[in-house]
Amino acid sequence: MNIQSLAIIEDDEKVRNYLTEQIQAYTNIPQVLSFSDGEAALSALTKNAVDIAMFDVQLPGIDGIECTKRLKMVHPRMQIMMLTVYDDTETIFSALKAGASSYMLKSTPPEKIIEAIAELHSGGSPISSQIARKVIEAFTVKEKVNEYFQELSRREQEMLELLSKGFRYKEIADKLFLSVETVRTHIRNVYEKLQVNCRIEALKKTGLL
């Protein structure tokens, strides 16, 4: 593994220290940096690029996706891996669009993360299997739907997709790390945009049923 420098950007101290220990123990990377927030990472890595930066999505201040976008503008050759708990399609696509080449879940075993780091450095784009399935499902859904669906925001589309699979509001809230009230608000907005009064009508109008 011919990687000279790697940065871990993670606000959870235990996770950050654990990742640092694993990488130092099982790789020969000479320089492993760590940061607890986006601002500090952005400031340091803008001045001195690393080969690979591993970002959590949710960070104090500037989030990992925004950091990725800014760093790729300055250092387009820097490889970015998102290492997060978020598996919703909106976050996944936002990260990839910002410039991340890898998207891994924190539930991934450490040895697989080490493998993903090596694969990323060698030109691959490693992503967790659950994330790969989400990406494939997102494209599959888009082939079925119509212009009404396309006019909705990505978050609203995701809500409808989950409704079409039989998920209840509470389950959707848990899955997307939102409150039930936020889910209700999104669904209400969807109904207004589509000019429908219920789930069945919304799914029929958008081609999901």
C-alpha atoms as a PDB file:
ATOM      1  CA  MET A   1       0.000   0.000   0.000  1.00  0.00           C
ATOM      2  CA  ASN A   2       1.963   2.980  -1.311  1.00  0.00           C
ATOM      3  CA  ILE A   3      -0.046   5.681   0.474  1.00  0.00           C
ATOM      4  CA  GLN A   4       2.007   8.458   2.044  1.00  0.00           C
ATOM      5  CA  SER A   5      -0.677  10.352   3.943  1.00  0.00           C
ATOM      6  CA  LEU A   6      -4.224   9.856   5.159  1.00  0.00           C
ATOM      7  CA  ALA A   7      -6.597  12.027   7.195  1.00  0.00           C
ATOM      8  CA  ILE A   8      -9.528  10.908   9.364  1.00  0.00           C
ATOM      9  CA  ILE A   9     -12.231  13.500   9.965  1.00  0.00           C
ATOM     10  CA  GLU A  10     -14.601  12.203  12.652  1.00  0.00           C
ATOM     11  CA  ASP A  11     -16.197  14.052  15.581  1.00  0.00           C
ATOM     12  CA  ASP A  12     -16.662  10.949  17.763  1.00  0.00           C
ATOM     13  CA  GLU A  13     -13.374  10.661  19.667  1.00  0.00           C
ATOM     14  CA  LYS A  14     -13.679   6.911  20.287  1.00  0.00           C
ATOM     15  CA  VAL A  15     -14.370   6.169  16.634  1.00  0.00           C
ATOM     16  CA  ARG A  16     -11.607   8.532  15.515  1.00  0.00           C
ATOM     17  CA  ASN A  17      -9.030   6.954  17.832  1.00  0.00           C
ATOM     18  CA  TYR A  18     -10.116   3.433  16.905  1.00  0.00           C
ATOM     19  CA  LEU A  19      -9.780   4.123  13.186  1.00  0.00           C
ATOM     20  CA  THR A  20      -6.380   5.719  13.722  1.00  0.00           C
ATOM     21  CA  GLU A  21      -5.167   2.699  15.700  1.00  0.00           C
ATOM     22  CA  GLN A  22      -6.428   0.209  13.116  1.00  0.00           C
ATOM     23  CA  ILE A  23      -4.885   2.053  10.189  1.00  0.00           C
ATOM     24  CA  GLN A  24      -1.550   2.492  11.955  1.00  0.00           C
ATOM     25  CA  ALA A  25      -1.536  -1.171  13.000  1.00  0.00           C
ATOM     26  CA  TYR A  26      -2.458  -2.744   9.669  1.00  0.00           C
ATOM     27  CA  THR A  27      -0.975  -0.397   7.057  1.00  0.00           C
ATOM     28  CA  ASN A  28       2.395   1.192   6.438  1.00  0.00           C
ATOM     29  CA  ILE A  29       1.021   4.690   5.864  1.00  0.00           C
ATOM     30  CA  PRO A  30       3.682   7.068   7.307  1.00  0.00           C
ATOM     31  CA  GLN A  31       1.367   9.982   8.091  1.00  0.00           C
ATOM     32  CA  VAL A  32      -2.094   9.507   9.629  1.00  0.00           C
ATOM     33  CA  LEU A  33      -3.774  12.764  10.645  1.00  0.00           C
ATOM     34  CA  SER A  34      -7.054  13.179  12.508  1.00  0.00           C
ATOM     35  CA  PHE A  35      -9.518  16.036  12.908  1.00  0.00           C
ATOM     36  CA  SER A  36     -12.667  16.386  15.004  1.00  0.00           C
ATOM     37  CA  ASP A  37     -14.464  18.987  12.875  1.00  0.00           C
ATOM     38  CA  GLY A  38     -14.808  20.148   9.300  1.00  0.00           C
ATOM     39  CA  GLU A  39     -13.291  23.621   9.715  1.00  0.00           C
ATOM     40  CA  ALA A  40     -10.000  22.339  11.131  1.00  0.00           C
ATOM     41  CA  ALA A  41      -9.747  19.659   8.453  1.00  0.00           C
ATOM     42  CA  LEU A  42     -10.567  22.058   5.643  1.00  0.00           C
ATOM     43  CA  SER A  43      -8.010  24.594   6.835  1.00  0.00           C
ATOM     44  CA  ALA A  44      -5.206  22.051   7.216  1.00  0.00           C
ATOM     45  CA  LEU A  45      -5.909  19.943   4.133  1.00  0.00           C
ATOM     46  CA  THR A  46      -6.357  22.942   1.846  1.00  0.00           C
ATOM     47  CA  LYS A  47      -2.784  23.982   2.692  1.00  0.00           C
ATOM     48  CA  ASN A  48      -1.317  20.469   2.754  1.00  0.00           C
ATOM     49  CA  ALA A  49      -3.112  17.818   0.743  1.00  0.00           C
ATOM     50  CA  VAL A  50      -3.185  14.158   1.771  1.00  0.00           C
ATOM     51  CA  ASP A  51      -3.522  11.139  -0.509  1.00  0.00           C
ATOM     52  CA  ILE A  52      -6.796  10.035   1.094  1.00  0.00           C
ATOM     53  CA  ALA A  53      -9.258  11.824   3.375  1.00  0.00           C
ATOM     54  CA  MET A  54     -11.922   9.833   5.244  1.00  0.00           C
ATOM     55  CA  PHE A  55     -14.901  12.019   6.137  1.00  0.00           C
ATOM     56  CA  ASP A  56     -17.878  11.434   8.371  1.00  0.00           C
ATOM     57  CA  VAL A  57     -20.954  13.089   6.837  1.00  0.00           C
ATOM     58  CA  GLN A  58     -22.268  14.743   9.995  1.00  0.00           C
ATOM     59  CA  LEU A  59     -19.632  17.015  11.549  1.00  0.00           C
ATOM     60  CA  PRO A  60     -19.735  20.108  13.774  1.00  0.00           C
ATOM     61  CA  GLY A  61     -19.860  23.214  11.559  1.00  0.00           C
ATOM     62  CA  ILE A  62     -19.052  22.365   7.947  1.00  0.00           C
ATOM     63  CA  ASP A  63     -20.280  18.876   7.135  1.00  0.00           C
ATOM     64  CA  GLY A  64     -18.258  16.203   5.370  1.00  0.00           C
ATOM     65  CA  ILE A  65     -19.996  16.639   2.020  1.00  0.00           C
ATOM     66  CA  GLU A  66     -19.315  20.382   1.878  1.00  0.00           C
ATOM     67  CA  CYS A  67     -15.694  19.774   2.934  1.00  0.00           C
ATOM     68  CA  THR A  68     -15.356  17.237   0.140  1.00  0.00           C
ATOM     69  CA  LYS A  69     -16.729  19.676  -2.426  1.00  0.00           C
ATOM     70  CA  ARG A  70     -14.330  22.434  -1.370  1.00  0.00           C
ATOM     71  CA  LEU A  71     -11.266  20.207  -1.137  1.00  0.00           C
ATOM     72  CA  LYS A  72     -11.840  18.632  -4.553  1.00  0.00           C
ATOM     73  CA  MET A  73     -11.910  22.105  -6.094  1.00  0.00           C
ATOM     74  CA  VAL A  74      -8.439  22.829  -4.670  1.00  0.00           C
ATOM     75  CA  HIS A  75      -6.971  19.319  -4.801  1.00  0.00           C
ATOM     76  CA  PRO A  76      -8.805  17.345  -7.514  1.00  0.00           C
ATOM     77  CA  ARG A  77      -6.414  14.385  -7.165  1.00  0.00           C
ATOM     78  CA  MET A  78      -7.162  13.911  -3.461  1.00  0.00           C
ATOM     79  CA  GLN A  79      -9.211  10.745  -2.912  1.00  0.00           C
ATOM     80  CA  ILE A  80     -12.217  11.090  -0.596  1.00  0.00           C
ATOM     81  CA  MET A  81     -13.946   8.287   1.291  1.00  0.00           C
ATOM     82  CA  MET A  82     -17.176   8.892   3.175  1.00  0.00           C
ATOM     83  CA  LEU A  83     -17.363   6.725   6.304  1.00  0.00           C
ATOM     84  CA  THR A  84     -20.753   7.231   7.889  1.00  0.00           C
ATOM     85  CA  VAL A  85     -23.952   5.764   9.305  1.00  0.00           C
ATOM     86  CA  TYR A  86     -26.133   7.544   6.743  1.00  0.00           C
ATOM     87  CA  ASP A  87     -27.460   5.226   4.044  1.00  0.00           C
ATOM     88  CA  ASP A  88     -30.249   7.304   2.495  1.00  0.00           C
ATOM     89  CA  THR A  89     -30.044   7.928  -1.242  1.00  0.00           C
ATOM     90  CA  GLU A  90     -30.080  11.738  -0.925  1.00  0.00           C
ATOM     91  CA  THR A  91     -26.929  11.737   1.230  1.00  0.00           C
ATOM     92  CA  ILE A  92     -25.223   9.089  -0.918  1.00  0.00           C
ATOM     93  CA  PHE A  93     -25.770  10.971  -4.175  1.00  0.00           C
ATOM     94  CA  SER A  94     -24.870  14.319  -2.601  1.00  0.00           C
ATOM     95  CA  ALA A  95     -21.542  12.881  -1.415  1.00  0.00           C
ATOM     96  CA  LEU A  96     -20.737  11.293  -4.778  1.00  0.00           C
ATOM     97  CA  LYS A  97     -21.701  14.465  -6.615  1.00  0.00           C
ATOM     98  CA  ALA A  98     -19.433  16.497  -4.302  1.00  0.00           C
ATOM     99  CA  GLY A  99     -16.479  14.353  -5.342  1.00  0.00           C
ATOM    100  CA  ALA A 100     -16.311  11.358  -3.010  1.00  0.00           C
ATOM    101  CA  SER A 101     -15.039   8.226  -4.777  1.00  0.00           C
ATOM    102  CA  SER A 102     -15.909   5.819  -1.959  1.00  0.00           C
ATOM    103  CA  TYR A 103     -18.880   5.474   0.385  1.00  0.00           C
ATOM    104  CA  MET A 104     -18.552   3.072   3.315  1.00  0.00           C
ATOM    105  CA  LEU A 105     -20.797   2.450   6.317  1.00  0.00           C
ATOM    106  CA  LYS A 106     -19.354   2.546   9.833  1.00  0.00           C
ATOM    107  CA  SER A 107     -20.741  -0.921  10.428  1.00  0.00           C
ATOM    108  CA  THR A 108     -18.120  -2.231   7.968  1.00  0.00           C
ATOM    109  CA  PRO A 109     -15.514  -4.495   9.665  1.00  0.00           C
ATOM    110  CA  PRO A 110     -12.139  -2.744  10.085  1.00  0.00           C
ATOM    111  CA  GLU A 111     -10.338  -5.166   7.764  1.00  0.00           C
ATOM    112  CA  LYS A 112     -12.810  -4.285   4.995  1.00  0.00           C
ATOM    113  CA  ILE A 113     -12.191  -0.577   5.571  1.00  0.00           C
ATOM    114  CA  ILE A 114      -8.440  -1.200   5.226  1.00  0.00           C
ATOM    115  CA  GLU A 115      -9.126  -3.073   1.967  1.00  0.00           C
ATOM    116  CA  ALA A 116     -11.312  -0.198   0.768  1.00  0.00           C
ATOM    117  CA  ILE A 117      -8.513   2.314   1.470  1.00  0.00           C
ATOM    118  CA  ALA A 118      -6.108   0.269  -0.680  1.00  0.00           C
ATOM    119  CA  GLU A 119      -8.707  -0.141  -3.432  1.00  0.00           C
ATOM    120  CA  LEU A 120      -9.470   3.589  -3.440  1.00  0.00           C
ATOM    121  CA  HIS A 121      -5.779   4.452  -3.751  1.00  0.00           C
ATOM    122  CA  SER A 122      -5.365   2.035  -6.660  1.00  0.00           C
ATOM    123  CA  GLY A 123      -8.123   3.734  -8.645  1.00  0.00           C
ATOM    124  CA  GLY A 124     -11.205   1.852  -7.476  1.00  0.00           C
ATOM    125  CA  SER A 125     -14.432   3.200  -5.996  1.00  0.00           C
ATOM    126  CA  PRO A 126     -15.268   0.902  -3.077  1.00  0.00           C
ATOM    127  CA  ILE A 127     -18.736   1.198  -1.580  1.00  0.00           C
ATOM    128  CA  SER A 128     -20.535  -0.912   1.007  1.00  0.00           C
ATOM    129  CA  SER A 129     -22.815  -3.567  -0.470  1.00  0.00           C
ATOM    130  CA  GLN A 130     -25.887  -1.941   1.128  1.00  0.00           C
ATOM    131  CA  ILE A 131     -24.967   1.348  -0.555  1.00  0.00           C
ATOM    132  CA  ALA A 132     -24.475  -0.357  -3.923  1.00  0.00           C
ATOM    133  CA  ARG A 133     -27.981  -1.807  -3.635  1.00  0.00           C
ATOM    134  CA  LYS A 134     -29.412   1.639  -2.808  1.00  0.00           C
ATOM    135  CA  VAL A 135     -27.743   3.145  -5.871  1.00  0.00           C
ATOM    136  CA  ILE A 136     -29.058   0.371  -8.125  1.00  0.00           C
ATOM    137  CA  GLU A 137     -32.564   0.655  -6.649  1.00  0.00           C
ATOM    138  CA  ALA A 138     -32.544   4.414  -7.183  1.00  0.00           C
ATOM    139  CA  PHE A 139     -31.816   4.000 -10.896  1.00  0.00           C
ATOM    140  CA  THR A 140     -34.340   1.163 -11.202  1.00  0.00           C
ATOM    141  CA  VAL A 141     -37.075   3.324  -9.673  1.00  0.00           C
ATOM    142  CA  LYS A 142     -36.269   6.218 -12.006  1.00  0.00           C
ATOM    143  CA  GLU A 143     -36.951   4.026 -15.049  1.00  0.00           C
ATOM    144  CA  LYS A 144     -40.477   3.286 -13.835  1.00  0.00           C
ATOM    145  CA  VAL A 145     -41.567   6.717 -12.717  1.00  0.00           C
ATOM    146  CA  ASN A 146     -42.951   9.664 -14.643  1.00  0.00           C
ATOM    147  CA  GLU A 147     -42.572  13.458 -14.856  1.00  0.00           C
ATOM    148  CA  TYR A 148     -44.640  14.015 -11.681  1.00  0.00           C
ATOM    149  CA  PHE A 149     -42.099  12.008  -9.688  1.00  0.00           C
ATOM    150  CA  GLN A 150     -39.164  13.808 -11.308  1.00  0.00           C
ATOM    151  CA  GLU A 151     -40.543  17.196 -10.252  1.00  0.00           C
ATOM    152  CA  LEU A 152     -40.305  16.262  -6.559  1.00  0.00           C
ATOM    153  CA  SER A 153     -37.176  16.946  -4.496  1.00  0.00           C
ATOM    154  CA  ARG A 154     -34.821  14.008  -3.882  1.00  0.00           C
ATOM    155  CA  ARG A 155     -35.977  13.789  -0.251  1.00  0.00           C
ATOM    156  CA  GLU A 156     -39.631  13.758  -1.323  1.00  0.00           C
ATOM    157  CA  GLN A 157     -38.881  11.075  -3.902  1.00  0.00           C
ATOM    158  CA  GLU A 158     -37.246   8.989  -1.204  1.00  0.00           C
ATOM    159  CA  MET A 159     -40.290   9.356   1.051  1.00  0.00           C
ATOM    160  CA  LEU A 160     -42.593   8.146  -1.725  1.00  0.00           C
ATOM    161  CA  GLU A 161     -40.308   5.227  -2.567  1.00  0.00           C
ATOM    162  CA  LEU A 162     -40.424   4.085   1.062  1.00  0.00           C
ATOM    163  CA  LEU A 163     -44.196   4.543   1.203  1.00  0.00           C
ATOM    164  CA  SER A 164     -44.494   2.404  -1.938  1.00  0.00           C
ATOM    165  CA  LYS A 165     -42.598  -0.380  -0.114  1.00  0.00           C
ATOM    166  CA  GLY A 166     -45.092  -0.307   2.759  1.00  0.00           C
ATOM    167  CA  PHE A 167     -43.071   1.576   5.364  1.00  0.00           C
ATOM    168  CA  ARG A 168     -45.025   3.528   8.000  1.00  0.00           C
ATOM    169  CA  TYR A 169     -44.170   7.115   8.989  1.00  0.00           C
ATOM    170  CA  LYS A 170     -42.366   5.974  12.153  1.00  0.00           C
ATOM    171  CA  GLU A 171     -40.290   3.458  10.172  1.00  0.00           C
ATOM    172  CA  ILE A 172     -39.420   6.075   7.554  1.00  0.00           C
ATOM    173  CA  ALA A 173     -38.402   8.499  10.310  1.00  0.00           C
ATOM    174  CA  ASP A 174     -36.118   5.891  11.897  1.00  0.00           C
ATOM    175  CA  LYS A 175     -34.629   4.894   8.553  1.00  0.00           C
ATOM    176  CA  LEU A 176     -33.813   8.470   7.517  1.00  0.00           C
ATOM    177  CA  PHE A 177     -32.861   9.751  10.998  1.00  0.00           C
ATOM    178  CA  LEU A 178     -35.742  12.235  10.987  1.00  0.00           C
ATOM    179  CA  SER A 179     -38.597  13.024  13.345  1.00  0.00           C
ATOM    180  CA  VAL A 180     -42.059  11.654  12.564  1.00  0.00           C
ATOM    181  CA  GLU A 181     -43.335  15.234  12.303  1.00  0.00           C
ATOM    182  CA  THR A 182     -40.691  16.039   9.656  1.00  0.00           C
ATOM    183  CA  VAL A 183     -41.802  12.997   7.662  1.00  0.00           C
ATOM    184  CA  ARG A 184     -45.436  14.100   7.937  1.00  0.00           C
ATOM    185  CA  THR A 185     -44.481  17.572   6.682  1.00  0.00           C
ATOM    186  CA  HIS A 186     -42.629  16.132   3.667  1.00  0.00           C
ATOM    187  CA  ILE A 187     -45.522  13.816   2.781  1.00  0.00           C
ATOM    188  CA  ARG A 188     -48.012  16.680   3.155  1.00  0.00           C
ATOM    189  CA  ASN A 189     -45.896  18.766   0.752  1.00  0.00           C
ATOM    190  CA  VAL A 190     -45.810  15.863  -1.703  1.00  0.00           C
ATOM    191  CA  TYR A 191     -49.601  15.566  -1.658  1.00  0.00           C
ATOM    192  CA  GLU A 192     -49.946  19.318  -2.255  1.00  0.00           C
ATOM    193  CA  LYS A 193     -47.497  19.283  -5.164  1.00  0.00           C
ATOM    194  CA  LEU A 194     -49.219  16.305  -6.760  1.00  0.00           C
ATOM    195  CA  GLN A 195     -52.702  17.608  -5.893  1.00  0.00           C
ATOM    196  CA  VAL A 196     -53.736  14.291  -4.335  1.00  0.00           C
ATOM    197  CA  ASN A 197     -55.274  13.357  -0.983  1.00  0.00           C
ATOM    198  CA  CYS A 198     -53.761  10.004  -0.055  1.00  0.00           C
ATOM    199  CA  ARG A 199     -50.836   7.626  -0.446  1.00  0.00           C
ATOM    200  CA  ILE A 200     -52.485   5.441  -3.104  1.00  0.00           C
ATOM    201  CA  GLU A 201     -53.272   8.449  -5.301  1.00  0.00           C
ATOM    202  CA  ALA A 202     -49.721   9.781  -4.909  1.00  0.00           C
ATOM    203  CA  LEU A 203     -48.149   6.442  -5.843  1.00  0.00           C
ATOM    204  CA  LYS A 204     -50.437   5.997  -8.860  1.00  0.00           C
ATOM    205  CA  LYS A 205     -49.788   9.520 -10.116  1.00  0.00           C
ATOM    206  CA  THR A 206     -46.007   9.152  -9.901  1.00  0.00           C
ATOM    207  CA  GLY A 207     -45.877   5.674 -11.439  1.00  0.00           C
ATOM    208  CA  LEU A 208     -44.818   3.908  -8.248  1.00  0.00           C
ATOM    209  CA  LEU A 209     -47.987   1.814  -8.145  1.00  0.00           C
END
